[in-house]
């Protein structure tokens, strides 16, 4: 992960032509015009405000609600609905006291770092909102585990030594791990560097196969075979690093569309990484300010009708209720959408998901020691053939955040643990999602599949938003882009564009 200086264009107001909206795609992350039915400029008589329910308080839901709530023409009355009793964006974050009285830091769980190049819209939004963030360098250590299952005694008794340490963006010479032969390390470092460069060259110049009327798009696993990347490099470096970004197993990552991973690598190569100074809680406070929020709402059914969209739900007191809105935005995971929204039941049930576990703790007994004078936040990748656990040491703190733990953590040291749903990608899910958000006039060979969903985003007054609602990696950038798409389709200007 990476370092030169990112130049972010100064935020400017986007002016919408009266008969145009904006369409966003993950593959280009560009903006292109597509027609939709225009709303004429406001007459002298004020328009009646349309009621909008935004379900979900992750980043996608919060950004959607913010944009509609701050519509310059004030046409939308927004209500946020959340199943939890707190905002989901920062619900698992951990507040950490510092050595200075009255001061603390926040460890975001899961990790919310972002990189220049790929997260362009997220960065523009943060700049517009005045969110303070800083450049963050990393030291990555890579450690092979012999097998899965019950840990051996050596894993329990002392930290396993990494076979390689890498400095993000090559911001410094990588340190030599302790107790390792220097000659072996030089050979290993040369090998890893050579095939890293080979992978970056291929990602830049060897395009993945796209979908056609006869076949699906190329998977990441097939692409790696086609460019002849050695299995040793894939297993020991590429999969641990990328699966930690996607918080999924190695095989699940290999099933991703190759275009997703390659686009991410191209755009983040040698770009700096950032972290919000006070955690994403400060972001959600800015986005939710002034918006009506209802916690403890368990959605059970979404029914479009002639008089709007009916939401059926159970409130915080356990009462079953029904409420009509002019528009509804479902900023929730696809498995939940499939369960409550009949038109997408079949198609979204085919989108793969997995459960991710994160644990905040203070058990450093199995963490490989790296010198404290080494710059950069330390992230340790420990992996076997199936998956990788990512261990994040928090700066200036004894708190450690482990994602998808493989090695045991002492229960007495656990501060907080959480499980959440991670939406995965596959050639089939890519086709389904692209068809849902496709302009009907666009020519897309994959759309001729008879199993493609007929429902389009916005039909019946129902919209989708989320990190999975675009053509790219399921990350924070997709949350912002999908929220911007909803706003632009409703003729609401995006103030940071």
Protein backbone atom coordinates (compact mmCIF):
# COMPACT_ATOMS: atom_id res chain seq x y z
CA UNK A 1 0.00 0.00 0.00
CA UNK A 2 1.36 3.39 -0.90
CA UNK A 3 2.71 7.05 -0.68
CA UNK A 4 3.18 10.01 -3.20
CA UNK A 5 1.09 13.07 -2.60
CA UNK A 6 -2.52 13.01 -3.72
CA UNK A 7 -3.88 16.11 -5.41
CA UNK A 8 -7.59 16.34 -4.80
CA UNK A 9 -9.50 18.70 -7.10
CA UNK A 10 -11.14 21.55 -5.28
CA UNK A 11 -14.80 20.79 -4.62
CA UNK A 12 -17.14 22.53 -7.00
CA UNK A 13 -20.87 22.58 -7.42
CA UNK A 14 -22.30 20.27 -10.04
CA UNK A 15 -24.84 21.90 -12.30
CA UNK A 16 -27.49 19.50 -13.61
CA UNK A 17 -29.01 20.08 -17.01
CA UNK A 18 -32.79 19.78 -16.69
CA UNK A 19 -32.97 16.58 -18.73
CA UNK A 20 -29.86 14.77 -17.56
CA UNK A 21 -28.75 12.66 -14.64
CA UNK A 22 -25.43 11.16 -13.73
CA UNK A 23 -24.55 7.48 -14.09
CA UNK A 24 -21.61 6.09 -12.15
CA UNK A 25 -19.69 2.93 -12.93
CA UNK A 26 -16.99 1.28 -10.88
CA UNK A 27 -14.92 0.18 -13.86
CA UNK A 28 -14.19 3.77 -14.90
CA UNK A 29 -15.41 5.60 -11.81
CA UNK A 30 -16.26 8.26 -14.33
CA UNK A 31 -19.37 10.30 -14.92
CA UNK A 32 -21.49 10.06 -18.04
CA UNK A 33 -24.83 11.58 -18.89
CA UNK A 34 -27.96 9.49 -19.34
CA UNK A 35 -31.49 10.73 -19.91
CA UNK A 36 -34.32 10.48 -17.42
CA UNK A 37 -37.66 12.17 -17.02
CA UNK A 38 -36.92 15.71 -15.93
CA UNK A 39 -38.61 17.64 -13.19
CA UNK A 40 -39.30 21.13 -14.43
CA UNK A 41 -37.98 24.07 -12.41
CA UNK A 42 -40.11 24.95 -9.43
CA UNK A 43 -43.11 27.08 -10.16
CA UNK A 44 -43.96 30.04 -7.99
CA UNK A 45 -46.06 27.71 -5.83
CA UNK A 46 -43.82 25.56 -3.65
CA UNK A 47 -43.73 21.84 -4.39
CA UNK A 48 -45.09 19.47 -1.82
CA UNK A 49 -42.21 17.73 -0.05
CA UNK A 50 -41.91 14.04 -0.88
CA UNK A 51 -41.40 11.64 2.00
CA UNK A 52 -38.32 9.40 1.77
CA UNK A 53 -37.38 6.49 4.01
CA UNK A 54 -33.70 5.56 3.95
CA UNK A 55 -33.22 2.12 5.50
CA UNK A 56 -29.74 1.53 6.92
CA UNK A 57 -27.21 3.83 8.59
CA UNK A 58 -24.00 2.59 7.04
CA UNK A 59 -22.09 5.07 4.89
CA UNK A 60 -24.39 4.57 1.87
CA UNK A 61 -27.54 5.27 3.85
CA UNK A 62 -26.05 8.27 5.64
CA UNK A 63 -24.73 9.88 2.44
CA UNK A 64 -28.04 9.30 0.63
CA UNK A 65 -29.99 10.84 3.51
CA UNK A 66 -27.57 13.77 3.70
CA UNK A 67 -27.85 14.60 0.00
CA UNK A 68 -31.66 14.43 -0.07
CA UNK A 69 -32.02 16.29 3.24
CA UNK A 70 -29.79 19.08 1.93
CA UNK A 71 -31.51 19.37 -1.46
CA UNK A 72 -31.29 23.12 -2.26
CA UNK A 73 -34.95 23.07 -3.34
CA UNK A 74 -35.99 21.29 -0.12
CA UNK A 75 -38.23 18.78 -1.92
CA UNK A 76 -37.59 15.77 0.33
CA UNK A 77 -38.55 14.96 3.90
CA UNK A 78 -36.09 12.26 4.97
CA UNK A 79 -36.41 9.66 7.69
CA UNK A 80 -33.54 7.29 8.54
CA UNK A 81 -34.46 3.81 9.79
CA UNK A 82 -31.95 1.57 11.57
CA UNK A 83 -32.35 -1.92 13.04
CA UNK A 84 -29.69 -1.36 15.70
CA UNK A 85 -29.96 1.05 18.59
CA UNK A 86 -27.07 3.10 17.20
CA UNK A 87 -25.64 4.11 13.83
CA UNK A 88 -24.20 1.04 12.14
CA UNK A 89 -21.25 2.85 10.53
CA UNK A 90 -19.31 3.13 13.80
CA UNK A 91 -21.27 0.70 15.96
CA UNK A 92 -18.30 -1.61 16.52
CA UNK A 93 -15.58 1.04 16.89
CA UNK A 94 -13.57 1.04 20.11
CA UNK A 95 -12.71 4.18 22.11
CA UNK A 96 -9.16 4.00 23.48
CA UNK A 97 -7.93 6.27 26.31
CA UNK A 98 -4.55 7.94 25.76
CA UNK A 99 -1.83 8.89 28.22
CA UNK A 100 -3.15 12.47 28.22
CA UNK A 101 -6.09 12.99 30.62
CA UNK A 102 -9.41 13.54 28.86
CA UNK A 103 -8.11 12.56 25.44
CA UNK A 104 -8.78 9.39 23.50
CA UNK A 105 -8.39 7.78 20.10
CA UNK A 106 -10.85 5.64 18.19
CA UNK A 107 -10.06 2.29 16.58
CA UNK A 108 -12.51 1.77 13.74
CA UNK A 109 -13.80 -1.80 13.55
CA UNK A 110 -13.62 -2.83 10.78
CA UNK A 111 -10.65 -0.77 9.61
CA UNK A 112 -11.70 2.29 7.56
CA UNK A 113 -8.44 3.36 5.92
CA UNK A 114 -8.74 4.62 2.35
CA UNK A 115 -6.33 5.21 -0.51
CA UNK A 116 -5.86 7.99 -3.01
CA UNK A 117 -6.70 7.20 -6.61
CA UNK A 118 -9.45 4.69 -5.87
CA UNK A 119 -11.47 6.61 -3.25
CA UNK A 120 -11.85 9.80 -5.25
CA UNK A 121 -15.48 10.52 -4.41
CA UNK A 122 -15.02 9.61 -0.74
CA UNK A 123 -12.10 12.03 -0.47
CA UNK A 124 -14.03 14.81 -2.21
CA UNK A 125 -16.92 14.30 0.19
CA UNK A 126 -14.61 14.33 3.22
CA UNK A 127 -13.02 17.56 2.00
CA UNK A 128 -16.43 19.16 1.47
CA UNK A 129 -17.64 18.11 4.94
CA UNK A 130 -14.42 19.27 6.59
CA UNK A 131 -13.51 15.79 7.82
CA UNK A 132 -9.92 15.78 9.07
CA UNK A 133 -7.75 12.87 7.93
CA UNK A 134 -4.06 12.13 7.85
CA UNK A 135 -1.64 10.13 5.74
CA UNK A 136 -1.01 6.67 7.16
CA UNK A 137 1.99 4.50 6.32
CA UNK A 138 1.97 0.77 6.98
CA UNK A 139 4.38 -2.04 7.70
CA UNK A 140 3.03 -5.40 6.53
CA UNK A 141 4.44 -8.63 7.88
CA UNK A 142 3.69 -11.97 6.17
CA UNK A 143 3.69 -15.21 8.18
CA UNK A 144 2.82 -18.70 6.93
CA UNK A 145 0.87 -21.03 9.19
CA UNK A 146 1.55 -24.73 8.76
CA UNK A 147 -2.06 -25.93 8.95
CA UNK A 148 -5.60 -25.05 9.92
CA UNK A 149 -7.41 -26.39 12.95
CA UNK A 150 -6.09 -26.79 16.46
CA UNK A 151 -2.99 -24.62 16.85
CA UNK A 152 0.24 -26.40 17.57
CA UNK A 153 2.10 -25.76 20.79
CA UNK A 154 4.65 -23.51 19.12
CA UNK A 155 1.85 -21.24 17.92
CA UNK A 156 0.54 -21.03 21.45
CA UNK A 157 3.82 -20.48 23.26
CA UNK A 158 5.57 -17.80 21.21
CA UNK A 159 4.91 -15.51 18.25
CA UNK A 160 5.56 -16.99 14.83
CA UNK A 161 8.26 -15.15 12.94
CA UNK A 162 7.29 -13.55 9.60
CA UNK A 163 9.18 -14.54 6.47
CA UNK A 164 8.85 -11.03 4.98
CA UNK A 165 8.07 -7.46 6.02
CA UNK A 166 6.99 -4.91 3.43
CA UNK A 167 6.79 -1.11 3.78
CA UNK A 168 3.77 0.44 2.06
CA UNK A 169 4.67 2.48 -1.02
CA UNK A 170 8.29 1.47 -0.31
CA UNK A 171 8.47 4.44 2.07
CA UNK A 172 11.53 2.82 3.70
CA UNK A 173 13.76 -0.18 3.26
CA UNK A 174 11.91 -3.24 4.52
CA UNK A 175 13.35 -4.47 7.82
CA UNK A 176 14.79 -7.96 7.99
CA UNK A 177 12.60 -10.15 10.24
CA UNK A 178 14.38 -11.44 13.32
CA UNK A 179 15.97 -14.91 13.34
CA UNK A 180 16.05 -15.21 9.56
CA UNK A 181 19.07 -15.89 7.37
CA UNK A 182 20.11 -12.72 5.52
CA UNK A 183 20.92 -14.55 2.27
CA UNK A 184 17.53 -16.29 2.31
CA UNK A 185 15.82 -12.97 3.01
CA UNK A 186 17.60 -11.28 0.07
CA UNK A 187 16.47 -14.06 -2.28
CA UNK A 188 12.91 -13.91 -0.93
CA UNK A 189 12.80 -10.11 -1.21
CA UNK A 190 14.12 -10.15 -4.79
CA UNK A 191 11.58 -12.83 -5.73
CA UNK A 192 8.65 -10.94 -4.15
CA UNK A 193 9.68 -7.64 -5.74
CA UNK A 194 10.13 -9.15 -9.21
CA UNK A 195 6.69 -10.74 -9.31
CA UNK A 196 5.06 -7.73 -7.69
CA UNK A 197 6.35 -5.65 -10.60
CA UNK A 198 5.24 -8.37 -13.03
CA UNK A 199 1.72 -8.33 -11.57
CA UNK A 200 1.50 -4.52 -11.74
CA UNK A 201 2.66 -4.53 -15.38
CA UNK A 202 0.07 -7.16 -16.29
CA UNK A 203 -2.66 -5.32 -14.39
CA UNK A 204 -1.84 -2.19 -16.39
CA UNK A 205 -1.47 -3.72 -19.85
CA UNK A 206 -3.18 -7.14 -19.93
CA UNK A 207 -6.93 -6.58 -19.86
CA UNK A 208 -9.21 -9.21 -18.32
CA UNK A 209 -11.78 -10.93 -20.51
CA UNK A 210 -15.15 -9.21 -20.32
CA UNK A 211 -18.55 -10.90 -20.44
CA UNK A 212 -20.12 -11.78 -23.77
CA UNK A 213 -23.39 -13.34 -24.85
CA UNK A 214 -21.62 -16.73 -24.64
CA UNK A 215 -19.55 -16.47 -21.45
CA UNK A 216 -19.16 -14.67 -18.14
CA UNK A 217 -16.39 -12.22 -17.36
CA UNK A 218 -12.99 -13.59 -16.35
CA UNK A 219 -12.41 -14.45 -12.71
CA UNK A 220 -9.37 -13.24 -10.79
CA UNK A 221 -8.14 -16.82 -10.38
CA UNK A 222 -8.29 -17.49 -14.13
CA UNK A 223 -6.53 -14.19 -14.85
CA UNK A 224 -3.63 -15.08 -12.52
CA UNK A 225 -3.18 -18.37 -14.35
CA UNK A 226 -3.27 -16.61 -17.72
CA UNK A 227 -0.49 -14.18 -16.81
CA UNK A 228 1.62 -17.08 -15.44
CA UNK A 229 2.01 -15.65 -11.95
CA UNK A 230 3.71 -18.33 -9.80
CA UNK A 231 1.57 -20.09 -7.22
CA UNK A 232 4.16 -19.42 -4.50
CA UNK A 233 3.82 -15.65 -4.96
CA UNK A 234 0.03 -15.88 -5.18
CA UNK A 235 -0.24 -17.95 -1.98
CA UNK A 236 2.36 -16.13 0.11
CA UNK A 237 1.87 -12.50 -0.91
CA UNK A 238 -0.97 -11.59 -3.26
CA UNK A 239 -3.83 -13.53 -1.67
CA UNK A 240 -3.01 -12.57 1.95
CA UNK A 241 -2.83 -8.88 1.06
CA UNK A 242 -5.91 -8.70 -1.18
CA UNK A 243 -8.10 -11.04 0.87
CA UNK A 244 -7.49 -8.80 3.89
CA UNK A 245 -8.73 -5.82 1.87
CA UNK A 246 -11.86 -7.75 0.88
CA UNK A 247 -12.14 -9.58 4.25
CA UNK A 248 -12.91 -12.90 2.58
CA UNK A 249 -11.32 -16.31 2.07
CA UNK A 250 -8.72 -16.94 -0.62
CA UNK A 251 -11.08 -18.96 -2.82
CA UNK A 252 -13.79 -16.32 -2.53
CA UNK A 253 -11.28 -13.72 -3.72
CA UNK A 254 -10.22 -15.91 -6.66
CA UNK A 255 -13.89 -16.05 -7.69
CA UNK A 256 -14.09 -12.24 -7.94
CA UNK A 257 -14.30 -10.66 -11.40
CA UNK A 258 -10.70 -9.97 -12.40
CA UNK A 259 -11.67 -6.42 -13.40
CA UNK A 260 -12.54 -5.58 -9.77
CA UNK A 261 -9.15 -6.45 -8.33
CA UNK A 262 -7.14 -5.07 -11.24
CA UNK A 263 -8.97 -1.75 -11.19
CA UNK A 264 -8.31 -1.44 -7.46
CA UNK A 265 -4.60 -2.25 -7.84
CA UNK A 266 -4.14 0.14 -10.77
CA UNK A 267 -5.75 3.03 -8.95
CA UNK A 268 -4.06 2.49 -5.58
CA UNK A 269 -0.57 1.72 -6.91
CA UNK A 270 1.93 4.07 -5.20
CA UNK A 271 -0.93 6.19 -3.84
CA UNK A 272 -0.98 7.33 -0.20
CA UNK A 273 -3.30 5.80 2.36
CA UNK A 274 -5.31 7.87 4.82
CA UNK A 275 -7.26 7.45 8.04
CA UNK A 276 -9.81 9.80 9.60
CA UNK A 277 -8.29 11.54 12.63
CA UNK A 278 -11.08 10.74 15.08
CA UNK A 279 -12.62 7.70 13.41
CA UNK A 280 -15.71 7.41 11.23
CA UNK A 281 -17.91 8.45 14.15
CA UNK A 282 -17.06 12.06 13.27
CA UNK A 283 -18.17 11.39 9.68
CA UNK A 284 -21.54 9.98 10.70
CA UNK A 285 -22.17 12.92 13.04
CA UNK A 286 -21.72 15.37 10.16
CA UNK A 287 -23.87 13.33 7.76
CA UNK A 288 -26.76 12.64 10.17
CA UNK A 289 -27.02 16.12 11.70
CA UNK A 290 -30.57 17.45 11.52
CA UNK A 291 -32.07 14.24 10.05
CA UNK A 292 -34.93 12.34 11.70
CA UNK A 293 -33.48 8.97 12.81
CA UNK A 294 -35.49 6.02 14.12
CA UNK A 295 -33.52 3.22 15.82
CA UNK A 296 -34.71 -0.30 16.63
CA UNK A 297 -36.71 -0.62 13.40
CA UNK A 298 -36.74 -4.18 12.01
CA UNK A 299 -37.93 -4.09 8.41
CA UNK A 300 -40.12 -7.03 7.36
CA UNK A 301 -41.58 -6.06 3.98
CA UNK A 302 -41.34 -3.42 1.24
CA UNK A 303 -44.41 -3.14 -1.01
CA UNK A 304 -44.60 -0.60 -3.87
CA UNK A 305 -48.12 0.58 -4.71
CA UNK A 306 -50.12 3.25 -6.48
CA UNK A 307 -50.06 5.51 -3.42
CA UNK A 308 -46.34 5.14 -2.68
CA UNK A 309 -44.19 2.49 -1.02
CA UNK A 310 -45.47 0.70 2.06
CA UNK A 311 -42.94 -0.31 4.69
CA UNK A 312 -43.93 -2.99 7.17
CA UNK A 313 -41.69 -3.20 10.23
CA UNK A 314 -41.43 -3.92 13.93
CA UNK A 315 -40.49 -0.91 16.05
CA UNK A 316 -38.19 -0.75 19.08
CA UNK A 317 -41.07 -1.70 21.39
CA UNK A 318 -41.93 -4.81 19.38
CA UNK A 319 -45.05 -3.31 17.78
CA UNK A 320 -45.83 -4.26 14.17
CA UNK A 321 -46.38 -1.15 12.07
CA UNK A 322 -47.00 -0.09 8.48
CA UNK A 323 -46.06 3.28 7.00
CA UNK A 324 -46.27 4.75 3.51
CA UNK A 325 -43.54 6.83 1.86
CA UNK A 326 -43.25 8.41 -1.55
CA UNK A 327 -39.78 6.92 -2.00
CA UNK A 328 -37.71 4.28 -0.22
CA UNK A 329 -33.93 3.77 -0.35
CA UNK A 330 -32.72 0.35 0.79
CA UNK A 331 -29.12 0.90 1.92
CA UNK A 332 -28.75 -2.62 3.32
CA UNK A 333 -27.08 -5.86 2.25
CA UNK A 334 -28.54 -7.80 -0.71
CA UNK A 335 -29.57 -10.80 1.37
CA UNK A 336 -31.78 -8.54 3.50
CA UNK A 337 -33.20 -6.83 0.40
CA UNK A 338 -34.03 -10.24 -1.06
CA UNK A 339 -35.88 -11.17 2.13
CA UNK A 340 -38.10 -8.07 2.27
CA UNK A 341 -38.52 -6.97 -1.38
CA UNK A 342 -40.31 -9.50 -3.59
CA UNK A 343 -39.22 -8.18 -7.06
CA UNK A 344 -35.56 -8.91 -6.21
CA UNK A 345 -36.02 -12.07 -4.16
CA UNK A 346 -34.68 -14.46 -6.79
CA UNK A 347 -31.89 -12.35 -8.29
CA UNK A 348 -30.36 -10.94 -5.10
CA UNK A 349 -30.46 -14.32 -3.36
CA UNK A 350 -27.77 -15.37 -5.87
CA UNK A 351 -25.34 -12.67 -4.72
CA UNK A 352 -22.75 -14.34 -2.46
CA UNK A 353 -22.12 -13.09 1.06
CA UNK A 354 -19.96 -14.22 3.96
CA UNK A 355 -19.71 -13.52 7.67
CA UNK A 356 -16.67 -11.59 8.88
CA UNK A 357 -15.48 -11.68 12.48
CA UNK A 358 -13.48 -8.86 14.05
CA UNK A 359 -12.04 -8.88 17.56
CA UNK A 360 -10.61 -5.90 19.45
CA UNK A 361 -8.29 -7.14 22.19
CA UNK A 362 -5.01 -6.62 24.06
CA UNK A 363 -3.50 -10.10 23.60
CA UNK A 364 -0.07 -9.43 22.09
CA UNK A 365 1.36 -12.85 22.98
CA UNK A 366 1.15 -14.14 19.43
CA UNK A 367 2.00 -10.91 17.61
CA UNK A 368 5.45 -10.97 16.00
CA UNK A 369 7.57 -8.17 17.47
CA UNK A 370 8.71 -5.37 15.18
CA UNK A 371 11.00 -2.63 16.40
CA UNK A 372 9.07 0.27 17.91
CA UNK A 373 11.22 2.80 16.05
CA UNK A 374 9.98 1.56 12.69
CA UNK A 375 7.61 4.01 11.02
CA UNK A 376 4.12 3.04 9.97
CA UNK A 377 1.16 1.26 11.51
CA UNK A 378 1.91 -2.44 11.82
CA UNK A 379 -0.39 -4.96 10.12
CA UNK A 380 0.43 -8.65 10.38
CA UNK A 381 -0.91 -11.14 7.84
CA UNK A 382 -0.95 -14.75 9.06
CA UNK A 383 -2.32 -17.21 6.59
CA UNK A 384 -2.80 -20.81 5.59
CA UNK A 385 -4.06 -22.21 2.28
CA UNK A 386 -7.64 -21.18 2.95
CA UNK A 387 -7.65 -17.73 4.51
CA UNK A 388 -5.74 -14.87 6.12
CA UNK A 389 -6.10 -13.25 9.51
CA UNK A 390 -5.17 -9.57 9.58
CA UNK A 391 -3.82 -8.22 12.88
CA UNK A 392 -3.85 -4.42 13.16
CA UNK A 393 -1.74 -2.86 15.90
CA UNK A 394 -3.26 0.49 16.87
CA UNK A 395 -0.78 3.39 17.01
CA UNK A 396 0.10 4.65 20.51
CA UNK A 397 -2.06 1.98 22.12
CA UNK A 398 -1.97 -1.61 23.33
CA UNK A 399 -5.22 -2.38 21.51
CA UNK A 400 -5.07 -4.84 18.61
CA UNK A 401 -7.84 -5.48 16.08
CA UNK A 402 -7.85 -8.93 14.48
CA UNK A 403 -10.04 -9.67 11.47
CA UNK A 404 -11.05 -13.25 10.70
CA UNK A 405 -8.87 -14.73 13.48
CA UNK A 406 -7.18 -18.08 12.87
CA UNK A 407 -4.85 -18.25 15.87
CA UNK A 408 -6.41 -18.20 19.35
CA UNK A 409 -6.98 -15.01 21.36
CA UNK A 410 -7.09 -15.16 25.15
CA UNK A 411 -10.73 -14.54 26.18
CA UNK A 412 -9.70 -12.38 29.15
CA UNK A 413 -8.04 -9.90 26.77
CA UNK A 414 -11.02 -9.43 24.43
CA UNK A 415 -12.51 -5.92 24.55
CA UNK A 416 -15.10 -6.34 21.83
CA UNK A 417 -15.99 -8.79 19.12
CA UNK A 418 -18.38 -8.40 16.23
CA UNK A 419 -19.69 -10.23 13.20
CA UNK A 420 -20.96 -8.54 10.07
CA UNK A 421 -22.04 -9.52 6.58
CA UNK A 422 -19.57 -8.97 3.76
CA UNK A 423 -20.98 -8.90 0.24
CA UNK A 424 -18.78 -10.81 -2.19
CA UNK A 425 -18.38 -10.55 -5.95
CA UNK A 426 -18.63 -13.13 -8.72
CA UNK A 427 -19.19 -12.98 -12.49
CA UNK A 428 -22.86 -13.82 -11.92
CA UNK A 429 -23.38 -11.21 -9.20
CA UNK A 430 -21.62 -8.62 -11.36
CA UNK A 431 -24.06 -9.29 -14.20
CA UNK A 432 -27.07 -9.14 -11.86
CA UNK A 433 -26.00 -5.85 -10.29
CA UNK A 434 -25.06 -4.23 -13.60
CA UNK A 435 -28.48 -5.19 -15.01
CA UNK A 436 -30.26 -3.64 -12.03
CA UNK A 437 -28.43 -0.34 -12.50
CA UNK A 438 -28.21 -0.45 -16.30
CA UNK A 439 -29.72 2.29 -18.43
CA UNK A 440 -32.42 0.54 -20.50
CA UNK A 441 -31.03 2.12 -23.65
CA UNK A 442 -27.48 0.97 -22.98
CA UNK A 443 -26.12 -1.86 -25.08
CA UNK A 444 -24.90 -4.59 -22.78
CA UNK A 445 -24.42 -8.05 -24.20
CA UNK A 446 -24.75 -9.62 -20.77
CA UNK A 447 -28.20 -8.06 -20.35
CA UNK A 448 -29.71 -10.38 -22.95
CA UNK A 449 -29.57 -13.22 -20.41
CA UNK A 450 -33.14 -14.38 -19.82
CA UNK A 451 -32.43 -14.74 -16.08
CA UNK A 452 -31.46 -11.07 -15.72
CA UNK A 453 -33.69 -9.13 -13.30
CA UNK A 454 -36.38 -7.05 -14.98
CA UNK A 455 -36.57 -4.63 -12.06
CA UNK A 456 -34.44 -1.50 -12.47
CA UNK A 457 -33.20 0.76 -9.73
CA UNK A 458 -35.94 3.29 -8.93
CA UNK A 459 -38.86 1.24 -10.25
CA UNK A 460 -41.92 1.71 -8.08
CA UNK A 461 -40.13 4.39 -6.06
CA UNK A 462 -37.63 1.93 -4.54
CA UNK A 463 -33.88 2.57 -4.80
CA UNK A 464 -30.83 0.57 -3.74
CA UNK A 465 -27.59 1.92 -2.27
CA UNK A 466 -24.54 0.30 -0.74
CA UNK A 467 -20.95 -0.66 -1.34
CA UNK A 468 -22.22 -3.56 -3.48
CA UNK A 469 -24.38 -1.32 -5.72
CA UNK A 470 -21.80 -0.52 -8.37
CA UNK A 471 -19.39 -2.29 -10.71
CA UNK A 472 -16.38 -2.59 -8.45
CA UNK A 473 -14.91 -3.75 -5.15
CA UNK A 474 -17.36 -3.68 -2.24
CA UNK A 475 -15.67 -0.84 -0.34
CA UNK A 476 -16.52 2.63 0.99
CA UNK A 477 -16.15 4.25 -2.43
CA UNK A 478 -19.07 2.20 -3.72
CA UNK A 479 -21.19 3.45 -0.82
CA UNK A 480 -20.59 7.07 -1.81
CA UNK A 481 -21.01 6.45 -5.55
CA UNK A 482 -24.30 4.57 -5.11
CA UNK A 483 -25.67 7.33 -2.85
CA UNK A 484 -24.68 9.93 -5.43
CA UNK A 485 -26.51 7.89 -8.08
CA UNK A 486 -29.73 7.95 -6.05
CA UNK A 487 -29.44 11.70 -5.50
CA UNK A 488 -28.70 12.50 -9.14
CA UNK A 489 -31.60 10.34 -10.35
CA UNK A 490 -33.84 12.51 -8.14
CA UNK A 491 -32.28 15.67 -9.63
CA UNK A 492 -30.45 16.59 -6.42
CA UNK A 493 -27.09 18.26 -6.94
CA UNK A 494 -23.93 16.76 -5.47
CA UNK A 495 -22.22 19.64 -3.65
CA UNK A 496 -18.71 18.14 -3.66
CA UNK A 497 -18.58 17.55 -7.41
